[in-house]
């Protein structure tokens, strides 16, 4: 798959598949979309306003843009963990297998091959 021109569309679709009230890591999205986690971050910086960007976090549950994400988290019932840097991934993380299945169905890639 790589990070060619279709990477933006793949990442945005994968992020759109994260259910409200759930989060995914940059790595989760990268595995689904076939790009590295850093590429996910750069795509979201440029195109994130098209999808629920606030649902994508570091693997530790931290958000580099937590202040901007907070109103969305509050509306979706995502609680900020003690210390105020993010949320508990163990509580709010979307099921990565379901995320991949939803992505495959939405993209028409039922074999998971991109």
PDB file of N, CA and C in Angstrom:
ATOM      1  N   UNK A   1       0.820  -1.207   0.000  1.00  0.00           N
ATOM      2  CA  UNK A   1       0.000   0.000   0.000  1.00  0.00           C
ATOM      3  C   UNK A   1       0.852   1.254   0.000  1.00  0.00           C
ATOM      4  N   UNK A   2       1.752   1.394   0.968  1.00  0.00           N
ATOM      5  CA  UNK A   2       2.650   2.527   0.997  1.00  0.00           C
ATOM      6  C   UNK A   2       1.977   3.839   1.319  1.00  0.00           C
ATOM      7  N   UNK A   3       2.747   4.915   1.163  1.00  0.00           N
ATOM      8  CA  UNK A   3       2.215   6.226   1.518  1.00  0.00           C
ATOM      9  C   UNK A   3       2.031   7.101   0.296  1.00  0.00           C
ATOM     10  N   UNK A   4       1.649   6.517  -0.817  1.00  0.00           N
ATOM     11  CA  UNK A   4       1.397   7.264  -2.042  1.00  0.00           C
ATOM     12  C   UNK A   4       0.151   8.117  -1.943  1.00  0.00           C
ATOM     13  N   UNK A   5      -0.337   8.572  -3.085  1.00  0.00           N
ATOM     14  CA  UNK A   5      -1.480   9.479  -3.113  1.00  0.00           C
ATOM     15  C   UNK A   5      -2.720   8.934  -2.421  1.00  0.00           C
ATOM     16  N   UNK A   6      -2.944   7.639  -2.458  1.00  0.00           N
ATOM     17  CA  UNK A   6      -4.121   7.067  -1.820  1.00  0.00           C
ATOM     18  C   UNK A   6      -4.030   7.007  -0.314  1.00  0.00           C
ATOM     19  N   UNK A   7      -2.844   7.283   0.229  1.00  0.00           N
ATOM     20  CA  UNK A   7      -2.650   7.199   1.680  1.00  0.00           C
ATOM     21  C   UNK A   7      -3.571   8.152   2.433  1.00  0.00           C
ATOM     22  N   UNK A   8      -3.739   9.355   1.920  1.00  0.00           N
ATOM     23  CA  UNK A   8      -4.602  10.329   2.594  1.00  0.00           C
ATOM     24  C   UNK A   8      -6.011   9.779   2.703  1.00  0.00           C
ATOM     25  N   UNK A   9      -6.549   9.293   1.603  1.00  0.00           N
ATOM     26  CA  UNK A   9      -7.913   8.757   1.614  1.00  0.00           C
ATOM     27  C   UNK A   9      -8.031   7.557   2.537  1.00  0.00           C
ATOM     28  N   UNK A  10      -7.011   6.689   2.537  1.00  0.00           N
ATOM     29  CA  UNK A  10      -7.061   5.507   3.401  1.00  0.00           C
ATOM     30  C   UNK A  10      -7.047   5.891   4.874  1.00  0.00           C
ATOM     31  N   UNK A  11      -6.188   6.829   5.235  1.00  0.00           N
ATOM     32  CA  UNK A  11      -6.111   7.267   6.631  1.00  0.00           C
ATOM     33  C   UNK A  11      -7.413   7.937   7.047  1.00  0.00           C
ATOM     34  N   UNK A  12      -7.928   8.814   6.216  1.00  0.00           N
ATOM     35  CA  UNK A  12      -9.166   9.510   6.570  1.00  0.00           C
ATOM     36  C   UNK A  12     -10.329   8.534   6.724  1.00  0.00           C
ATOM     37  N   UNK A  13     -10.388   7.536   5.863  1.00  0.00           N
ATOM     38  CA  UNK A  13     -11.441   6.527   5.986  1.00  0.00           C
ATOM     39  C   UNK A  13     -11.271   5.733   7.277  1.00  0.00           C
ATOM     40  N   UNK A  14     -10.047   5.347   7.587  1.00  0.00           N
ATOM     41  CA  UNK A  14      -9.804   4.581   8.819  1.00  0.00           C
ATOM     42  C   UNK A  14     -10.201   5.389  10.051  1.00  0.00           C
ATOM     43  N   UNK A  15      -9.860   6.667  10.078  1.00  0.00           N
ATOM     44  CA  UNK A  15     -10.228   7.514  11.213  1.00  0.00           C
ATOM     45  C   UNK A  15     -11.745   7.656  11.299  1.00  0.00           C
ATOM     46  N   UNK A  16     -12.391   7.771  10.161  1.00  0.00           N
ATOM     47  CA  UNK A  16     -13.850   7.894  10.147  1.00  0.00           C
ATOM     48  C   UNK A  16     -14.539   6.648  10.707  1.00  0.00           C
ATOM     49  N   UNK A  17     -13.852   5.531  10.711  1.00  0.00           N
ATOM     50  CA  UNK A  17     -14.430   4.277  11.206  1.00  0.00           C
ATOM     51  C   UNK A  17     -14.377   4.149  12.734  1.00  0.00           C
ATOM     52  N   UNK A  18     -13.642   5.033  13.418  1.00  0.00           N
ATOM     53  CA  UNK A  18     -13.568   4.972  14.879  1.00  0.00           C
ATOM     54  C   UNK A  18     -14.925   5.407  15.438  1.00  0.00           C
ATOM     55  N   UNK A  19     -15.568   4.549  16.215  1.00  0.00           N
ATOM     56  CA  UNK A  19     -16.895   4.915  16.747  1.00  0.00           C
ATOM     57  C   UNK A  19     -16.817   6.086  17.737  1.00  0.00           C
ATOM     58  N   UNK A  20     -17.883   6.851  17.813  1.00  0.00           N
ATOM     59  CA  UNK A  20     -17.974   7.923  18.802  1.00  0.00           C
ATOM     60  C   UNK A  20     -17.773   7.328  20.193  1.00  0.00           C
ATOM     61  N   UNK A  21     -17.044   8.050  21.029  1.00  0.00           N
ATOM     62  CA  UNK A  21     -16.783   7.587  22.379  1.00  0.00           C
ATOM     63  C   UNK A  21     -15.628   6.615  22.487  1.00  0.00           C
ATOM     64  N   UNK A  22     -14.977   6.342  21.368  1.00  0.00           N
ATOM     65  CA  UNK A  22     -13.826   5.439  21.333  1.00  0.00           C
ATOM     66  C   UNK A  22     -12.640   6.172  20.726  1.00  0.00           C
ATOM     67  N   UNK A  23     -11.444   5.636  20.943  1.00  0.00           N
ATOM     68  CA  UNK A  23     -10.228   6.219  20.396  1.00  0.00           C
ATOM     69  C   UNK A  23      -9.391   5.111  19.770  1.00  0.00           C
ATOM     70  N   UNK A  24      -8.423   5.514  18.977  1.00  0.00           N
ATOM     71  CA  UNK A  24      -7.459   4.583  18.387  1.00  0.00           C
ATOM     72  C   UNK A  24      -6.108   5.270  18.386  1.00  0.00           C
ATOM     73  N   UNK A  25      -5.060   4.483  18.387  1.00  0.00           N
ATOM     74  CA  UNK A  25      -3.715   5.060  18.347  1.00  0.00           C
ATOM     75  C   UNK A  25      -3.318   5.350  16.895  1.00  0.00           C
ATOM     76  N   UNK A  26      -2.295   6.171  16.752  1.00  0.00           N
ATOM     77  CA  UNK A  26      -1.752   6.429  15.421  1.00  0.00           C
ATOM     78  C   UNK A  26      -1.325   5.113  14.775  1.00  0.00           C
ATOM     79  N   UNK A  27      -0.778   4.213  15.576  1.00  0.00           N
ATOM     80  CA  UNK A  27      -0.364   2.906  15.073  1.00  0.00           C
ATOM     81  C   UNK A  27      -1.532   2.052  14.630  1.00  0.00           C
ATOM     82  N   UNK A  28      -2.649   2.089  15.393  1.00  0.00           N
ATOM     83  CA  UNK A  28      -3.852   1.352  14.995  1.00  0.00           C
ATOM     84  C   UNK A  28      -4.316   1.803  13.615  1.00  0.00           C
ATOM     85  N   UNK A  29      -4.378   3.115  13.441  1.00  0.00           N
ATOM     86  CA  UNK A  29      -4.835   3.669  12.165  1.00  0.00           C
ATOM     87  C   UNK A  29      -3.837   3.345  11.065  1.00  0.00           C
ATOM     88  N   UNK A  30      -2.560   3.447  11.367  1.00  0.00           N
ATOM     89  CA  UNK A  30      -1.534   3.123  10.382  1.00  0.00           C
ATOM     90  C   UNK A  30      -1.613   1.686   9.912  1.00  0.00           C
ATOM     91  N   UNK A  31      -1.842   0.752  10.835  1.00  0.00           N
ATOM     92  CA  UNK A  31      -1.962  -0.662  10.449  1.00  0.00           C
ATOM     93  C   UNK A  31      -3.166  -0.879   9.536  1.00  0.00           C
ATOM     94  N   UNK A  32      -4.269  -0.236   9.834  1.00  0.00           N
ATOM     95  CA  UNK A  32      -5.473  -0.384   9.015  1.00  0.00           C
ATOM     96  C   UNK A  32      -5.264   0.239   7.638  1.00  0.00           C
ATOM     97  N   UNK A  33      -4.642   1.414   7.607  1.00  0.00           N
ATOM     98  CA  UNK A  33      -4.497   2.170   6.351  1.00  0.00           C
ATOM     99  C   UNK A  33      -3.229   1.831   5.569  1.00  0.00           C
ATOM    100  N   UNK A  34      -2.332   1.069   6.168  1.00  0.00           N
ATOM    101  CA  UNK A  34      -1.115   0.676   5.468  1.00  0.00           C
ATOM    102  C   UNK A  34      -0.049   1.742   5.397  1.00  0.00           C
ATOM    103  N   UNK A  35       0.031   2.593   6.427  1.00  0.00           N
ATOM    104  CA  UNK A  35       1.068   3.622   6.506  1.00  0.00           C
ATOM    105  C   UNK A  35       1.641   3.633   7.922  1.00  0.00           C
ATOM    106  N   UNK A  36       2.750   4.310   8.106  1.00  0.00           N
ATOM    107  CA  UNK A  36       3.341   4.421   9.429  1.00  0.00           C
ATOM    108  C   UNK A  36       2.587   5.403  10.307  1.00  0.00           C
ATOM    109  N   UNK A  37       2.732   5.257  11.620  1.00  0.00           N
ATOM    110  CA  UNK A  37       2.026   6.141  12.547  1.00  0.00           C
ATOM    111  C   UNK A  37       2.375   7.620  12.360  1.00  0.00           C
ATOM    112  N   UNK A  38       3.617   7.915  12.032  1.00  0.00           N
ATOM    113  CA  UNK A  38       3.993   9.321  11.820  1.00  0.00           C
ATOM    114  C   UNK A  38       3.304   9.901  10.597  1.00  0.00           C
ATOM    115  N   UNK A  39       3.143   9.076   9.578  1.00  0.00           N
ATOM    116  CA  UNK A  39       2.415   9.521   8.375  1.00  0.00           C
ATOM    117  C   UNK A  39       0.958   9.801   8.728  1.00  0.00           C
ATOM    118  N   UNK A  40       0.379   8.965   9.604  1.00  0.00           N
ATOM    119  CA  UNK A  40      -0.996   9.213  10.071  1.00  0.00           C
ATOM    120  C   UNK A  40      -1.066  10.606  10.694  1.00  0.00           C
ATOM    121  N   UNK A  41      -0.103  10.916  11.567  1.00  0.00           N
ATOM    122  CA  UNK A  41      -0.085  12.224  12.208  1.00  0.00           C
ATOM    123  C   UNK A  41       0.023  13.365  11.223  1.00  0.00           C
ATOM    124  N   UNK A  42       0.889  13.221  10.232  1.00  0.00           N
ATOM    125  CA  UNK A  42       1.050  14.312   9.260  1.00  0.00           C
ATOM    126  C   UNK A  42      -0.200  14.470   8.389  1.00  0.00           C
ATOM    127  N   UNK A  43      -0.826  13.364   8.052  1.00  0.00           N
ATOM    128  CA  UNK A  43      -2.068  13.456   7.273  1.00  0.00           C
ATOM    129  C   UNK A  43      -3.156  14.137   8.092  1.00  0.00           C
ATOM    130  N   UNK A  44      -3.260  13.792   9.366  1.00  0.00           N
ATOM    131  CA  UNK A  44      -4.278  14.425  10.203  1.00  0.00           C
ATOM    132  C   UNK A  44      -3.995  15.908  10.408  1.00  0.00           C
ATOM    133  N   UNK A  45      -2.728  16.290  10.485  1.00  0.00           N
ATOM    134  CA  UNK A  45      -2.402  17.720  10.605  1.00  0.00           C
ATOM    135  C   UNK A  45      -2.889  18.491   9.385  1.00  0.00           C
ATOM    136  N   UNK A  46      -2.787  17.880   8.210  1.00  0.00           N
ATOM    137  CA  UNK A  46      -3.172  18.569   6.974  1.00  0.00           C
ATOM    138  C   UNK A  46      -4.647  18.418   6.620  1.00  0.00           C
ATOM    139  N   UNK A  47      -5.243  17.275   6.961  1.00  0.00           N
ATOM    140  CA  UNK A  47      -6.596  16.972   6.498  1.00  0.00           C
ATOM    141  C   UNK A  47      -7.547  16.563   7.624  1.00  0.00           C
ATOM    142  N   UNK A  48      -7.134  16.697   8.866  1.00  0.00           N
ATOM    143  CA  UNK A  48      -7.901  16.197   9.994  1.00  0.00           C
ATOM    144  C   UNK A  48      -9.267  16.814  10.180  1.00  0.00           C
ATOM    145  N   UNK A  49      -9.457  18.017   9.659  1.00  0.00           N
ATOM    146  CA  UNK A  49     -10.765  18.651   9.836  1.00  0.00           C
ATOM    147  C   UNK A  49     -11.868  17.922   9.076  1.00  0.00           C
ATOM    148  N   UNK A  50     -11.500  16.970   8.236  1.00  0.00           N
ATOM    149  CA  UNK A  50     -12.482  16.205   7.470  1.00  0.00           C
ATOM    150  C   UNK A  50     -13.015  14.986   8.221  1.00  0.00           C
ATOM    151  N   UNK A  51     -12.379  14.653   9.354  1.00  0.00           N
ATOM    152  CA  UNK A  51     -12.725  13.437  10.114  1.00  0.00           C
ATOM    153  C   UNK A  51     -12.635  13.716  11.616  1.00  0.00           C
ATOM    154  N   UNK A  52     -13.085  12.789  12.457  1.00  0.00           N
ATOM    155  CA  UNK A  52     -13.003  12.991  13.910  1.00  0.00           C
ATOM    156  C   UNK A  52     -11.579  12.790  14.441  1.00  0.00           C
ATOM    157  N   UNK A  53     -10.701  13.721  14.153  1.00  0.00           N
ATOM    158  CA  UNK A  53      -9.282  13.676  14.501  1.00  0.00           C
ATOM    159  C   UNK A  53      -9.045  13.497  15.990  1.00  0.00           C
ATOM    160  N   UNK A  54      -9.974  13.984  16.813  1.00  0.00           N
ATOM    161  CA  UNK A  54      -9.806  13.940  18.265  1.00  0.00           C
ATOM    162  C   UNK A  54      -9.828  12.515  18.819  1.00  0.00           C
ATOM    163  N   UNK A  55     -10.195  11.555  18.000  1.00  0.00           N
ATOM    164  CA  UNK A  55     -10.228  10.160  18.423  1.00  0.00           C
ATOM    165  C   UNK A  55      -8.906   9.431  18.179  1.00  0.00           C
ATOM    166  N   UNK A  56      -7.910  10.107  17.656  1.00  0.00           N
ATOM    167  CA  UNK A  56      -6.612   9.482  17.363  1.00  0.00           C
ATOM    168  C   UNK A  56      -5.574  10.010  18.348  1.00  0.00           C
ATOM    169  N   UNK A  57      -4.943   9.079  19.060  1.00  0.00           N
ATOM    170  CA  UNK A  57      -4.030   9.419  20.146  1.00  0.00           C
ATOM    171  C   UNK A  57      -2.734   8.643  20.033  1.00  0.00           C
ATOM    172  N   UNK A  58      -1.790   8.990  20.890  1.00  0.00           N
ATOM    173  CA  UNK A  58      -0.580   8.182  20.996  1.00  0.00           C
ATOM    174  C   UNK A  58      -0.953   6.831  21.614  1.00  0.00           C
ATOM    175  N   UNK A  59      -0.055   5.881  21.535  1.00  0.00           N
ATOM    176  CA  UNK A  59      -0.304   4.551  22.103  1.00  0.00           C
ATOM    177  C   UNK A  59      -0.527   4.612  23.609  1.00  0.00           C
ATOM    178  N   UNK A  60      -0.004   5.638  24.254  1.00  0.00           N
ATOM    179  CA  UNK A  60      -0.185   5.786  25.696  1.00  0.00           C
ATOM    180  C   UNK A  60      -1.477   6.519  26.052  1.00  0.00           C
ATOM    181  N   UNK A  61      -2.231   6.942  25.035  1.00  0.00           N
ATOM    182  CA  UNK A  61      -3.498   7.628  25.270  1.00  0.00           C
ATOM    183  C   UNK A  61      -3.390   9.131  25.364  1.00  0.00           C
ATOM    184  N   UNK A  62      -2.219   9.667  25.068  1.00  0.00           N
ATOM    185  CA  UNK A  62      -2.038  11.111  25.138  1.00  0.00           C
ATOM    186  C   UNK A  62      -2.391  11.766  23.810  1.00  0.00           C
ATOM    187  N   UNK A  63      -2.887  12.972  23.915  1.00  0.00           N
ATOM    188  CA  UNK A  63      -3.236  13.743  22.732  1.00  0.00           C
ATOM    189  C   UNK A  63      -2.384  15.006  22.686  1.00  0.00           C
ATOM    190  N   UNK A  64      -1.676  15.226  21.573  1.00  0.00           N
ATOM    191  CA  UNK A  64      -0.873  16.442  21.466  1.00  0.00           C
ATOM    192  C   UNK A  64      -1.741  17.702  21.329  1.00  0.00           C
ATOM    193  N   UNK A  65      -3.020  17.515  21.096  1.00  0.00           N
ATOM    194  CA  UNK A  65      -3.945  18.644  20.937  1.00  0.00           C
ATOM    195  C   UNK A  65      -5.130  18.493  21.889  1.00  0.00           C
ATOM    196  N   UNK A  66      -4.834  18.107  23.121  1.00  0.00           N
ATOM    197  CA  UNK A  66      -5.885  17.800  24.092  1.00  0.00           C
ATOM    198  C   UNK A  66      -6.828  18.972  24.336  1.00  0.00           C
ATOM    199  N   UNK A  67      -6.298  20.188  24.398  1.00  0.00           N
ATOM    200  CA  UNK A  67      -7.185  21.331  24.646  1.00  0.00           C
ATOM    201  C   UNK A  67      -8.253  21.454  23.569  1.00  0.00           C
ATOM    202  N   UNK A  68      -7.881  21.232  22.331  1.00  0.00           N
ATOM    203  CA  UNK A  68      -8.852  21.301  21.233  1.00  0.00           C
ATOM    204  C   UNK A  68      -9.763  20.078  21.218  1.00  0.00           C
ATOM    205  N   UNK A  69      -9.252  18.938  21.683  1.00  0.00           N
ATOM    206  CA  UNK A  69     -10.037  17.702  21.677  1.00  0.00           C
ATOM    207  C   UNK A  69     -11.053  17.646  22.807  1.00  0.00           C
ATOM    208  N   UNK A  70     -10.786  18.322  23.915  1.00  0.00           N
ATOM    209  CA  UNK A  70     -11.629  18.216  25.115  1.00  0.00           C
ATOM    210  C   UNK A  70     -13.114  18.421  24.866  1.00  0.00           C
ATOM    211  N   UNK A  71     -13.541  19.435  24.135  1.00  0.00           N
ATOM    212  CA  UNK A  71     -14.987  19.589  23.925  1.00  0.00           C
ATOM    213  C   UNK A  71     -15.604  18.371  23.212  1.00  0.00           C
ATOM    214  N   UNK A  72     -14.874  17.805  22.276  1.00  0.00           N
ATOM    215  CA  UNK A  72     -15.355  16.616  21.567  1.00  0.00           C
ATOM    216  C   UNK A  72     -15.405  15.424  22.513  1.00  0.00           C
ATOM    217  N   UNK A  73     -14.350  15.257  23.308  1.00  0.00           N
ATOM    218  CA  UNK A  73     -14.307  14.159  24.282  1.00  0.00           C
ATOM    219  C   UNK A  73     -15.459  14.288  25.270  1.00  0.00           C
ATOM    220  N   UNK A  74     -15.681  15.499  25.767  1.00  0.00           N
ATOM    221  CA  UNK A  74     -16.780  15.717  26.712  1.00  0.00           C
ATOM    222  C   UNK A  74     -18.116  15.324  26.090  1.00  0.00           C
ATOM    223  N   UNK A  75     -18.325  15.715  24.844  1.00  0.00           N
ATOM    224  CA  UNK A  75     -19.583  15.399  24.155  1.00  0.00           C
ATOM    225  C   UNK A  75     -19.758  13.897  23.931  1.00  0.00           C
ATOM    226  N   UNK A  76     -18.638  13.168  23.780  1.00  0.00           N
ATOM    227  CA  UNK A  76     -18.700  11.736  23.498  1.00  0.00           C
ATOM    228  C   UNK A  76     -18.511  10.871  24.746  1.00  0.00           C
ATOM    229  N   UNK A  77     -18.301  11.509  25.892  1.00  0.00           N
ATOM    230  CA  UNK A  77     -18.152  10.757  27.121  1.00  0.00           C
ATOM    231  C   UNK A  77     -16.781  10.149  27.351  1.00  0.00           C
ATOM    232  N   UNK A  78     -15.764  10.704  26.731  1.00  0.00           N
ATOM    233  CA  UNK A  78     -14.390  10.234  26.934  1.00  0.00           C
ATOM    234  C   UNK A  78     -13.791  11.052  28.075  1.00  0.00           C
ATOM    235  N   UNK A  79     -13.446  10.380  29.167  1.00  0.00           N
ATOM    236  CA  UNK A  79     -12.922  11.070  30.341  1.00  0.00           C
ATOM    237  C   UNK A  79     -11.405  11.229  30.254  1.00  0.00           C
ATOM    238  N   UNK A  80     -10.955  12.402  30.645  1.00  0.00           N
ATOM    239  CA  UNK A  80      -9.518  12.654  30.720  1.00  0.00           C
ATOM    240  C   UNK A  80      -9.006  11.963  31.978  1.00  0.00           C
ATOM    241  N   UNK A  81      -7.918  11.227  31.827  1.00  0.00           N
ATOM    242  CA  UNK A  81      -7.369  10.501  32.979  1.00  0.00           C
ATOM    243  C   UNK A  81      -6.691  11.453  33.953  1.00  0.00           C
ATOM    244  N   UNK A  82      -6.517  10.940  35.143  1.00  0.00           N
ATOM    245  CA  UNK A  82      -5.812  11.704  36.169  1.00  0.00           C
ATOM    246  C   UNK A  82      -4.468  12.157  35.619  1.00  0.00           C
ATOM    247  N   UNK A  83      -4.137  13.389  35.827  1.00  0.00           N
ATOM    248  CA  UNK A  83      -2.903  13.941  35.272  1.00  0.00           C
ATOM    249  C   UNK A  83      -3.185  14.806  34.059  1.00  0.00           C
ATOM    250  N   UNK A  84      -4.351  14.619  33.450  1.00  0.00           N
ATOM    251  CA  UNK A  84      -4.821  15.504  32.401  1.00  0.00           C
ATOM    252  C   UNK A  84      -4.117  15.485  31.065  1.00  0.00           C
ATOM    253  N   UNK A  85      -3.430  14.397  30.702  1.00  0.00           N
ATOM    254  CA  UNK A  85      -2.707  14.383  29.426  1.00  0.00           C
ATOM    255  C   UNK A  85      -3.415  13.593  28.328  1.00  0.00           C
ATOM    256  N   UNK A  86      -4.432  12.860  28.679  1.00  0.00           N
ATOM    257  CA  UNK A  86      -5.119  12.039  27.690  1.00  0.00           C
ATOM    258  C   UNK A  86      -6.169  11.183  28.342  1.00  0.00           C
ATOM    259  N   UNK A  87      -6.451  10.045  27.747  1.00  0.00           N
ATOM    260  CA  UNK A  87      -7.446   9.134  28.303  1.00  0.00           C
ATOM    261  C   UNK A  87      -6.823   7.760  28.505  1.00  0.00           C
ATOM    262  N   UNK A  88      -7.545   6.896  29.176  1.00  0.00           N
ATOM    263  CA  UNK A  88      -7.073   5.531  29.409  1.00  0.00           C
ATOM    264  C   UNK A  88      -7.411   4.684  28.193  1.00  0.00           C
ATOM    265  N   UNK A  89      -6.383   4.283  27.469  1.00  0.00           N
ATOM    266  CA  UNK A  89      -6.584   3.462  26.279  1.00  0.00           C
ATOM    267  C   UNK A  89      -7.292   2.155  26.624  1.00  0.00           C
ATOM    268  N   UNK A  90      -7.024   1.611  27.785  1.00  0.00           N
ATOM    269  CA  UNK A  90      -7.640   0.344  28.173  1.00  0.00           C
ATOM    270  C   UNK A  90      -9.151   0.465  28.319  1.00  0.00           C
ATOM    271  N   UNK A  91      -9.645   1.663  28.511  1.00  0.00           N
ATOM    272  CA  UNK A  91     -11.081   1.889  28.672  1.00  0.00           C
ATOM    273  C   UNK A  91     -11.735   2.315  27.351  1.00  0.00           C
ATOM    274  N   UNK A  92     -11.076   3.186  26.594  1.00  0.00           N
ATOM    275  CA  UNK A  92     -11.718   3.825  25.448  1.00  0.00           C
ATOM    276  C   UNK A  92     -11.245   3.346  24.078  1.00  0.00           C
ATOM    277  N   UNK A  93     -10.243   2.501  24.033  1.00  0.00           N
ATOM    278  CA  UNK A  93      -9.699   2.085  22.738  1.00  0.00           C
ATOM    279  C   UNK A  93     -10.728   1.277  21.941  1.00  0.00           C
ATOM    280  N   UNK A  94     -10.898   1.664  20.684  1.00  0.00           N
ATOM    281  CA  UNK A  94     -11.764   0.906  19.776  1.00  0.00           C
ATOM    282  C   UNK A  94     -11.125  -0.457  19.518  1.00  0.00           C
ATOM    283  N   UNK A  95     -11.932  -1.465  19.350  1.00  0.00           N
ATOM    284  CA  UNK A  95     -11.429  -2.808  19.050  1.00  0.00           C
ATOM    285  C   UNK A  95     -10.707  -2.756  17.706  1.00  0.00           C
ATOM    286  N   UNK A  96      -9.394  -3.027  17.677  1.00  0.00           N
ATOM    287  CA  UNK A  96      -8.646  -2.906  16.423  1.00  0.00           C
ATOM    288  C   UNK A  96      -9.125  -3.873  15.343  1.00  0.00           C
ATOM    289  N   UNK A  97      -9.605  -5.044  15.731  1.00  0.00           N
ATOM    290  CA  UNK A  97     -10.102  -6.010  14.745  1.00  0.00           C
ATOM    291  C   UNK A  97     -11.410  -5.523  14.126  1.00  0.00           C
ATOM    292  N   UNK A  98     -12.280  -4.959  14.955  1.00  0.00           N
ATOM    293  CA  UNK A  98     -13.537  -4.411  14.441  1.00  0.00           C
ATOM    294  C   UNK A  98     -13.266  -3.200  13.564  1.00  0.00           C
ATOM    295  N   UNK A  99     -12.301  -2.375  13.979  1.00  0.00           N
ATOM    296  CA  UNK A  99     -11.925  -1.207  13.192  1.00  0.00           C
ATOM    297  C   UNK A  99     -11.446  -1.631  11.805  1.00  0.00           C
ATOM    298  N   UNK A 100     -10.604  -2.657  11.755  1.00  0.00           N
ATOM    299  CA  UNK A 100     -10.101  -3.164  10.474  1.00  0.00           C
ATOM    300  C   UNK A 100     -11.227  -3.747   9.632  1.00  0.00           C
ATOM    301  N   UNK A 101     -12.150  -4.463  10.275  1.00  0.00           N
ATOM    302  CA  UNK A 101     -13.281  -5.046   9.542  1.00  0.00           C
ATOM    303  C   UNK A 101     -14.193  -3.954   8.992  1.00  0.00           C
ATOM    304  N   UNK A 102     -14.472  -2.936   9.798  1.00  0.00           N
ATOM    305  CA  UNK A 102     -15.319  -1.829   9.347  1.00  0.00           C
ATOM    306  C   UNK A 102     -14.656  -1.079   8.193  1.00  0.00           C
ATOM    307  N   UNK A 103     -13.343  -0.893   8.294  1.00  0.00           N
ATOM    308  CA  UNK A 103     -12.597  -0.227   7.227  1.00  0.00           C
ATOM    309  C   UNK A 103     -12.665  -1.050   5.941  1.00  0.00           C
ATOM    310  N   UNK A 104     -12.438  -2.354   6.061  1.00  0.00           N
ATOM    311  CA  UNK A 104     -12.465  -3.224   4.881  1.00  0.00           C
ATOM    312  C   UNK A 104     -13.825  -3.183   4.205  1.00  0.00           C
ATOM    313  N   UNK A 105     -14.882  -3.200   4.996  1.00  0.00           N
ATOM    314  CA  UNK A 105     -16.226  -3.145   4.425  1.00  0.00           C
ATOM    315  C   UNK A 105     -16.487  -1.795   3.752  1.00  0.00           C
ATOM    316  N   UNK A 106     -16.102  -0.714   4.415  1.00  0.00           N
ATOM    317  CA  UNK A 106     -16.345   0.620   3.861  1.00  0.00           C
ATOM    318  C   UNK A 106     -15.517   0.878   2.604  1.00  0.00           C
ATOM    319  N   UNK A 107     -14.327   0.283   2.534  1.00  0.00           N
ATOM    320  CA  UNK A 107     -13.451   0.527   1.396  1.00  0.00           C
ATOM    321  C   UNK A 107     -13.682  -0.484   0.267  1.00  0.00           C
ATOM    322  N   UNK A 108     -14.489  -1.494   0.541  1.00  0.00           N
ATOM    323  CA  UNK A 108     -14.717  -2.531  -0.458  1.00  0.00           C
ATOM    324  C   UNK A 108     -13.586  -3.534  -0.512  1.00  0.00           C
ATOM    325  N   UNK A 109     -12.705  -3.489   0.492  1.00  0.00           N
ATOM    326  CA  UNK A 109     -11.537  -4.373   0.548  1.00  0.00           C
ATOM    327  C   UNK A 109     -11.792  -5.482   1.567  1.00  0.00           C
ATOM    328  N   UNK A 110     -12.636  -6.383   1.197  1.00  0.00           N
ATOM    329  CA  UNK A 110     -13.042  -7.427   2.138  1.00  0.00           C
ATOM    330  C   UNK A 110     -11.925  -8.424   2.450  1.00  0.00           C
ATOM    331  N   UNK A 111     -10.842  -8.431   1.648  1.00  0.00           N
ATOM    332  CA  UNK A 111      -9.714  -9.315   1.912  1.00  0.00           C
ATOM    333  C   UNK A 111      -8.652  -8.629   2.771  1.00  0.00           C
ATOM    334  N   UNK A 112      -8.835  -7.312   3.059  1.00  0.00           N
ATOM    335  CA  UNK A 112      -7.868  -6.592   3.874  1.00  0.00           C
ATOM    336  C   UNK A 112      -6.556  -6.316   3.167  1.00  0.00           C
ATOM    337  N   UNK A 113      -6.576  -6.240   1.852  1.00  0.00           N
ATOM    338  CA  UNK A 113      -5.327  -6.060   1.099  1.00  0.00           C
ATOM    339  C   UNK A 113      -5.156  -4.646   0.554  1.00  0.00           C
ATOM    340  N   UNK A 114      -6.060  -3.760   0.900  1.00  0.00           N
ATOM    341  CA  UNK A 114      -5.902  -2.382   0.410  1.00  0.00           C
ATOM    342  C   UNK A 114      -6.436  -2.272  -0.930  1.00  0.00           C
TER     343      UNK A 114
END
